[in-house]
Amino acid sequence: MTLADWIAMLPADEVDKGSRYLKQKLAEGADGYEREHRLELGGGQERWLMSRVHIERGPDGRWRIASGWEEG
């Protein structure tokens, strides 16, 4: 799944929260993190997914790739 596909599944407020959280973790120098995301399935139903993100850094310490997966 691409990042665009993942973002398209999430409500706008979840995208905003996720973006802020990723920026926070990058600023902290974290190697990764876990976070829950809420999906709206329609008909008033929701589902929660846990995502795990691994942050890969280059030799200079700056992040290069953030990859993740979800469980739910």
PDB file of N, CA and C in Angstrom:
ATOM      1  N   MET A   1       0.842  -1.167   0.000  1.00  0.00           N
ATOM      2  CA  MET A   1       0.000   0.000   0.000  1.00  0.00           C
ATOM      3  C   MET A   1       0.893   1.237   0.000  1.00  0.00           C
ATOM      4  N   THR A   2       0.551   2.185  -0.816  1.00  0.00           N
ATOM      5  CA  THR A   2       1.321   3.425  -0.854  1.00  0.00           C
ATOM      6  C   THR A   2       0.870   4.361   0.263  1.00  0.00           C
ATOM      7  N   LEU A   3       1.688   5.363   0.532  1.00  0.00           N
ATOM      8  CA  LEU A   3       1.312   6.365   1.523  1.00  0.00           C
ATOM      9  C   LEU A   3       0.030   7.071   1.109  1.00  0.00           C
ATOM     10  N   ALA A   4      -0.121   7.359  -0.174  1.00  0.00           N
ATOM     11  CA  ALA A   4      -1.339   8.017  -0.664  1.00  0.00           C
ATOM     12  C   ALA A   4      -2.575   7.153  -0.408  1.00  0.00           C
ATOM     13  N   ASP A   5      -2.462   5.841  -0.612  1.00  0.00           N
ATOM     14  CA  ASP A   5      -3.583   4.930  -0.338  1.00  0.00           C
ATOM     15  C   ASP A   5      -3.927   4.941   1.143  1.00  0.00           C
ATOM     16  N   TRP A   6      -2.892   4.891   1.994  1.00  0.00           N
ATOM     17  CA  TRP A   6      -3.097   4.897   3.445  1.00  0.00           C
ATOM     18  C   TRP A   6      -3.795   6.182   3.878  1.00  0.00           C
ATOM     19  N   ILE A   7      -3.321   7.323   3.386  1.00  0.00           N
ATOM     20  CA  ILE A   7      -3.905   8.617   3.757  1.00  0.00           C
ATOM     21  C   ILE A   7      -5.357   8.700   3.299  1.00  0.00           C
ATOM     22  N   ALA A   8      -5.654   8.162   2.121  1.00  0.00           N
ATOM     23  CA  ALA A   8      -7.021   8.209   1.590  1.00  0.00           C
ATOM     24  C   ALA A   8      -8.000   7.431   2.464  1.00  0.00           C
ATOM     25  N   MET A   9      -7.519   6.446   3.218  1.00  0.00           N
ATOM     26  CA  MET A   9      -8.383   5.636   4.085  1.00  0.00           C
ATOM     27  C   MET A   9      -8.723   6.349   5.390  1.00  0.00           C
ATOM     28  N   LEU A  10      -7.924   7.343   5.778  1.00  0.00           N
ATOM     29  CA  LEU A  10      -8.068   7.955   7.090  1.00  0.00           C
ATOM     30  C   LEU A  10      -8.923   9.207   7.039  1.00  0.00           C
ATOM     31  N   PRO A  11      -9.678   9.462   8.121  1.00  0.00           N
ATOM     32  CA  PRO A  11     -10.376  10.742   8.225  1.00  0.00           C
ATOM     33  C   PRO A  11      -9.350  11.876   8.313  1.00  0.00           C
ATOM     34  N   ALA A  12      -9.730  13.067   7.886  1.00  0.00           N
ATOM     35  CA  ALA A  12      -8.805  14.206   7.835  1.00  0.00           C
ATOM     36  C   ALA A  12      -8.147  14.483   9.184  1.00  0.00           C
ATOM     37  N   ASP A  13      -8.905  14.359  10.285  1.00  0.00           N
ATOM     38  CA  ASP A  13      -8.302  14.644  11.592  1.00  0.00           C
ATOM     39  C   ASP A  13      -7.225  13.623  11.942  1.00  0.00           C
ATOM     40  N   GLU A  14      -7.375  12.384  11.495  1.00  0.00           N
ATOM     41  CA  GLU A  14      -6.360  11.362  11.745  1.00  0.00           C
ATOM     42  C   GLU A  14      -5.099  11.631  10.921  1.00  0.00           C
ATOM     43  N   VAL A  15      -5.273  12.138   9.712  1.00  0.00           N
ATOM     44  CA  VAL A  15      -4.121  12.491   8.881  1.00  0.00           C
ATOM     45  C   VAL A  15      -3.331  13.608   9.555  1.00  0.00           C
ATOM     46  N   ASP A  16      -4.033  14.620  10.051  1.00  0.00           N
ATOM     47  CA  ASP A  16      -3.374  15.733  10.743  1.00  0.00           C
ATOM     48  C   ASP A  16      -2.629  15.254  11.989  1.00  0.00           C
ATOM     49  N   LYS A  17      -3.287  14.418  12.797  1.00  0.00           N
ATOM     50  CA  LYS A  17      -2.644  13.889  14.008  1.00  0.00           C
ATOM     51  C   LYS A  17      -1.411  13.063  13.659  1.00  0.00           C
ATOM     52  N   GLY A  18      -1.535  12.217  12.639  1.00  0.00           N
ATOM     53  CA  GLY A  18      -0.424  11.366  12.232  1.00  0.00           C
ATOM     54  C   GLY A  18       0.762  12.173  11.726  1.00  0.00           C
ATOM     55  N   SER A  19       0.488  13.214  10.976  1.00  0.00           N
ATOM     56  CA  SER A  19       1.550  14.068  10.449  1.00  0.00           C
ATOM     57  C   SER A  19       2.293  14.769  11.583  1.00  0.00           C
ATOM     58  N   ARG A  20       1.537  15.310  12.528  1.00  0.00           N
ATOM     59  CA  ARG A  20       2.171  15.983  13.681  1.00  0.00           C
ATOM     60  C   ARG A  20       2.997  14.995  14.500  1.00  0.00           C
ATOM     61  N   TYR A  21       2.485  13.792  14.676  1.00  0.00           N
ATOM     62  CA  TYR A  21       3.183  12.785  15.479  1.00  0.00           C
ATOM     63  C   TYR A  21       4.486  12.355  14.800  1.00  0.00           C
ATOM     64  N   LEU A  22       4.447  12.145  13.484  1.00  0.00           N
ATOM     65  CA  LEU A  22       5.654  11.781  12.747  1.00  0.00           C
ATOM     66  C   LEU A  22       6.697  12.887  12.869  1.00  0.00           C
ATOM     67  N   LYS A  23       6.288  14.134  12.683  1.00  0.00           N
ATOM     68  CA  LYS A  23       7.230  15.253  12.795  1.00  0.00           C
ATOM     69  C   LYS A  23       7.845  15.315  14.189  1.00  0.00           C
ATOM     70  N   GLN A  24       7.036  15.060  15.217  1.00  0.00           N
ATOM     71  CA  GLN A  24       7.530  15.053  16.595  1.00  0.00           C
ATOM     72  C   GLN A  24       8.575  13.964  16.788  1.00  0.00           C
ATOM     73  N   LYS A  25       8.280  12.761  16.293  1.00  0.00           N
ATOM     74  CA  LYS A  25       9.210  11.643  16.459  1.00  0.00           C
ATOM     75  C   LYS A  25      10.506  11.869  15.688  1.00  0.00           C
ATOM     76  N   LEU A  26      10.415  12.471  14.498  1.00  0.00           N
ATOM     77  CA  LEU A  26      11.618  12.789  13.741  1.00  0.00           C
ATOM     78  C   LEU A  26      12.469  13.806  14.502  1.00  0.00           C
ATOM     79  N   ALA A  27      11.827  14.829  15.068  1.00  0.00           N
ATOM     80  CA  ALA A  27      12.550  15.854  15.824  1.00  0.00           C
ATOM     81  C   ALA A  27      13.211  15.269  17.068  1.00  0.00           C
ATOM     82  N   GLU A  28      12.587  14.254  17.661  1.00  0.00           N
ATOM     83  CA  GLU A  28      13.138  13.607  18.858  1.00  0.00           C
ATOM     84  C   GLU A  28      14.299  12.664  18.514  1.00  0.00           C
ATOM     85  N   GLY A  29      14.452  12.345  17.239  1.00  0.00           N
ATOM     86  CA  GLY A  29      15.490  11.405  16.836  1.00  0.00           C
ATOM     87  C   GLY A  29      15.104   9.951  17.057  1.00  0.00           C
ATOM     88  N   ALA A  30      13.798   9.675  17.158  1.00  0.00           N
ATOM     89  CA  ALA A  30      13.316   8.312  17.394  1.00  0.00           C
ATOM     90  C   ALA A  30      13.644   7.407  16.210  1.00  0.00           C
ATOM     91  N   ASP A  31      13.859   6.128  16.512  1.00  0.00           N
ATOM     92  CA  ASP A  31      14.089   5.123  15.472  1.00  0.00           C
ATOM     93  C   ASP A  31      12.785   4.534  14.947  1.00  0.00           C
ATOM     94  N   GLY A  32      11.684   4.813  15.622  1.00  0.00           N
ATOM     95  CA  GLY A  32      10.379   4.310  15.218  1.00  0.00           C
ATOM     96  C   GLY A  32       9.348   4.620  16.279  1.00  0.00           C
ATOM     97  N   TYR A  33       8.132   4.212  16.001  1.00  0.00           N
ATOM     98  CA  TYR A  33       7.045   4.433  16.955  1.00  0.00           C
ATOM     99  C   TYR A  33       5.841   3.580  16.577  1.00  0.00           C
ATOM    100  N   GLU A  34       4.897   3.507  17.499  1.00  0.00           N
ATOM    101  CA  GLU A  34       3.605   2.864  17.264  1.00  0.00           C
ATOM    102  C   GLU A  34       2.520   3.902  17.507  1.00  0.00           C
ATOM    103  N   ARG A  35       1.436   3.781  16.763  1.00  0.00           N
ATOM    104  CA  ARG A  35       0.322   4.721  16.922  1.00  0.00           C
ATOM    105  C   ARG A  35      -0.960   4.066  16.437  1.00  0.00           C
ATOM    106  N   GLU A  36      -2.062   4.361  17.132  1.00  0.00           N
ATOM    107  CA  GLU A  36      -3.373   3.870  16.701  1.00  0.00           C
ATOM    108  C   GLU A  36      -4.024   4.894  15.776  1.00  0.00           C
ATOM    109  N   HIS A  37      -4.745   4.386  14.773  1.00  0.00           N
ATOM    110  CA  HIS A  37      -5.460   5.224  13.817  1.00  0.00           C
ATOM    111  C   HIS A  37      -6.908   4.770  13.754  1.00  0.00           C
ATOM    112  N   ARG A  38      -7.798   5.734  13.656  1.00  0.00           N
ATOM    113  CA  ARG A  38      -9.224   5.449  13.545  1.00  0.00           C
ATOM    114  C   ARG A  38      -9.642   5.499  12.075  1.00  0.00           C
ATOM    115  N   LEU A  39     -10.351   4.468  11.637  1.00  0.00           N
ATOM    116  CA  LEU A  39     -10.924   4.433  10.297  1.00  0.00           C
ATOM    117  C   LEU A  39     -12.436   4.531  10.412  1.00  0.00           C
ATOM    118  N   GLU A  40     -13.058   5.223   9.502  1.00  0.00           N
ATOM    119  CA  GLU A  40     -14.514   5.288   9.437  1.00  0.00           C
ATOM    120  C   GLU A  40     -14.967   4.344   8.335  1.00  0.00           C
ATOM    121  N   LEU A  41     -15.770   3.342   8.702  1.00  0.00           N
ATOM    122  CA  LEU A  41     -16.202   2.320   7.747  1.00  0.00           C
ATOM    123  C   LEU A  41     -17.541   2.636   7.099  1.00  0.00           C
ATOM    124  N   GLY A  42     -18.205   3.658   7.542  1.00  0.00           N
ATOM    125  CA  GLY A  42     -19.528   3.974   7.029  1.00  0.00           C
ATOM    126  C   GLY A  42     -20.594   3.387   7.933  1.00  0.00           C
ATOM    127  N   GLY A  43     -21.777   3.924   7.862  1.00  0.00           N
ATOM    128  CA  GLY A  43     -22.862   3.453   8.706  1.00  0.00           C
ATOM    129  C   GLY A  43     -22.584   3.682  10.183  1.00  0.00           C
ATOM    130  N   GLY A  44     -21.707   4.651  10.479  1.00  0.00           N
ATOM    131  CA  GLY A  44     -21.385   4.958  11.870  1.00  0.00           C
ATOM    132  C   GLY A  44     -20.387   4.000  12.507  1.00  0.00           C
ATOM    133  N   GLN A  45     -19.855   3.066  11.736  1.00  0.00           N
ATOM    134  CA  GLN A  45     -18.899   2.104  12.285  1.00  0.00           C
ATOM    135  C   GLN A  45     -17.475   2.644  12.177  1.00  0.00           C
ATOM    136  N   GLU A  46     -16.692   2.290  13.178  1.00  0.00           N
ATOM    137  CA  GLU A  46     -15.279   2.651  13.195  1.00  0.00           C
ATOM    138  C   GLU A  46     -14.439   1.405  13.410  1.00  0.00           C
ATOM    139  N   ARG A  47     -13.205   1.507  12.988  1.00  0.00           N
ATOM    140  CA  ARG A  47     -12.237   0.446  13.247  1.00  0.00           C
ATOM    141  C   ARG A  47     -10.922   1.115  13.601  1.00  0.00           C
ATOM    142  N   TRP A  48     -10.220   0.504  14.541  1.00  0.00           N
ATOM    143  CA  TRP A  48      -8.933   1.041  14.970  1.00  0.00           C
ATOM    144  C   TRP A  48      -7.826   0.120  14.484  1.00  0.00           C
ATOM    145  N   LEU A  49      -6.778   0.713  13.933  1.00  0.00           N
ATOM    146  CA  LEU A  49      -5.616  -0.023  13.472  1.00  0.00           C
ATOM    147  C   LEU A  49      -4.378   0.484  14.200  1.00  0.00           C
ATOM    148  N   MET A  50      -3.474  -0.414  14.502  1.00  0.00           N
ATOM    149  CA  MET A  50      -2.200  -0.050  15.100  1.00  0.00           C
ATOM    150  C   MET A  50      -1.165  -0.011  13.982  1.00  0.00           C
ATOM    151  N   SER A  51      -0.476   1.104  13.870  1.00  0.00           N
ATOM    152  CA  SER A  51       0.605   1.169  12.882  1.00  0.00           C
ATOM    153  C   SER A  51       1.937   1.213  13.615  1.00  0.00           C
ATOM    154  N   ARG A  52       2.910   0.585  13.007  1.00  0.00           N
ATOM    155  CA  ARG A  52       4.281   0.612  13.512  1.00  0.00           C
ATOM    156  C   ARG A  52       5.138   1.215  12.413  1.00  0.00           C
ATOM    157  N   VAL A  53       5.924   2.184  12.773  1.00  0.00           N
ATOM    158  CA  VAL A  53       6.746   2.892  11.796  1.00  0.00           C
ATOM    159  C   VAL A  53       8.208   2.750  12.182  1.00  0.00           C
ATOM    160  N   HIS A  54       9.016   2.378  11.204  1.00  0.00           N
ATOM    161  CA  HIS A  54      10.466   2.292  11.378  1.00  0.00           C
ATOM    162  C   HIS A  54      11.084   3.471  10.640  1.00  0.00           C
ATOM    163  N   ILE A  55      11.975   4.190  11.309  1.00  0.00           N
ATOM    164  CA  ILE A  55      12.626   5.353  10.714  1.00  0.00           C
ATOM    165  C   ILE A  55      14.084   4.997  10.438  1.00  0.00           C
ATOM    166  N   GLU A  56      14.450   5.052   9.178  1.00  0.00           N
ATOM    167  CA  GLU A  56      15.833   4.749   8.782  1.00  0.00           C
ATOM    168  C   GLU A  56      16.579   6.061   8.577  1.00  0.00           C
ATOM    169  N   ARG A  57      17.757   6.142   9.165  1.00  0.00           N
ATOM    170  CA  ARG A  57      18.561   7.356   9.061  1.00  0.00           C
ATOM    171  C   ARG A  57      19.826   7.092   8.263  1.00  0.00           C
ATOM    172  N   GLY A  58      20.305   8.129   7.615  1.00  0.00           N
ATOM    173  CA  GLY A  58      21.538   8.045   6.856  1.00  0.00           C
ATOM    174  C   GLY A  58      22.742   8.227   7.766  1.00  0.00           C
ATOM    175  N   PRO A  59      23.944   8.153   7.194  1.00  0.00           N
ATOM    176  CA  PRO A  59      25.174   8.306   7.969  1.00  0.00           C
ATOM    177  C   PRO A  59      25.266   9.657   8.699  1.00  0.00           C
ATOM    178  N   ASP A  60      24.581  10.659   8.156  1.00  0.00           N
ATOM    179  CA  ASP A  60      24.609  11.982   8.784  1.00  0.00           C
ATOM    180  C   ASP A  60      23.583  12.121   9.903  1.00  0.00           C
ATOM    181  N   GLY A  61      22.803  11.065  10.162  1.00  0.00           N
ATOM    182  CA  GLY A  61      21.800  11.090  11.226  1.00  0.00           C
ATOM    183  C   GLY A  61      20.447  11.619  10.807  1.00  0.00           C
ATOM    184  N   ARG A  62      20.360  12.145   9.604  1.00  0.00           N
ATOM    185  CA  ARG A  62      19.069  12.652   9.125  1.00  0.00           C
ATOM    186  C   ARG A  62      18.230  11.489   8.610  1.00  0.00           C
ATOM    187  N   TRP A  63      16.916  11.591   8.776  1.00  0.00           N
ATOM    188  CA  TRP A  63      16.056  10.488   8.340  1.00  0.00           C
ATOM    189  C   TRP A  63      16.017  10.438   6.817  1.00  0.00           C
ATOM    190  N   ARG A  64      15.962   9.201   6.316  1.00  0.00           N
ATOM    191  CA  ARG A  64      15.895   8.959   4.877  1.00  0.00           C
ATOM    192  C   ARG A  64      14.580   8.323   4.485  1.00  0.00           C
ATOM    193  N   ILE A  65      14.154   7.331   5.255  1.00  0.00           N
ATOM    194  CA  ILE A  65      12.959   6.556   4.917  1.00  0.00           C
ATOM    195  C   ILE A  65      12.165   6.304   6.194  1.00  0.00           C
ATOM    196  N   ALA A  66      10.867   6.446   6.097  1.00  0.00           N
ATOM    197  CA  ALA A  66       9.965   6.025   7.175  1.00  0.00           C
ATOM    198  C   ALA A  66       9.044   4.982   6.569  1.00  0.00           C
ATOM    199  N   SER A  67       9.123   3.758   7.039  1.00  0.00           N
ATOM    200  CA  SER A  67       8.275   2.698   6.512  1.00  0.00           C
ATOM    201  C   SER A  67       7.467   2.092   7.652  1.00  0.00           C
ATOM    202  N   GLY A  68       6.313   1.587   7.313  1.00  0.00           N
ATOM    203  CA  GLY A  68       5.468   1.057   8.369  1.00  0.00           C
ATOM    204  C   GLY A  68       4.527  -0.018   7.897  1.00  0.00           C
ATOM    205  N   TRP A  69       3.823  -0.539   8.853  1.00  0.00           N
ATOM    206  CA  TRP A  69       2.811  -1.550   8.599  1.00  0.00           C
ATOM    207  C   TRP A  69       1.740  -1.390   9.651  1.00  0.00           C
ATOM    208  N   GLU A  70       0.578  -1.959   9.388  1.00  0.00           N
ATOM    209  CA  GLU A  70      -0.530  -1.839  10.327  1.00  0.00           C
ATOM    210  C   GLU A  70      -1.120  -3.186  10.651  1.00  0.00           C
ATOM    211  N   GLU A  71      -1.725  -3.241  11.812  1.00  0.00           N
ATOM    212  CA  GLU A  71      -2.433  -4.428  12.274  1.00  0.00           C
ATOM    213  C   GLU A  71      -3.816  -3.990  12.724  1.00  0.00           C
ATOM    214  N   GLY A  72      -4.769  -4.830  12.515  1.00  0.00           N
ATOM    215  CA  GLY A  72      -6.086  -4.430  12.972  1.00  0.00           C
ATOM    216  C   GLY A  72      -7.089  -5.523  12.945  1.00  0.00           C
TER     217      GLY A  72
END
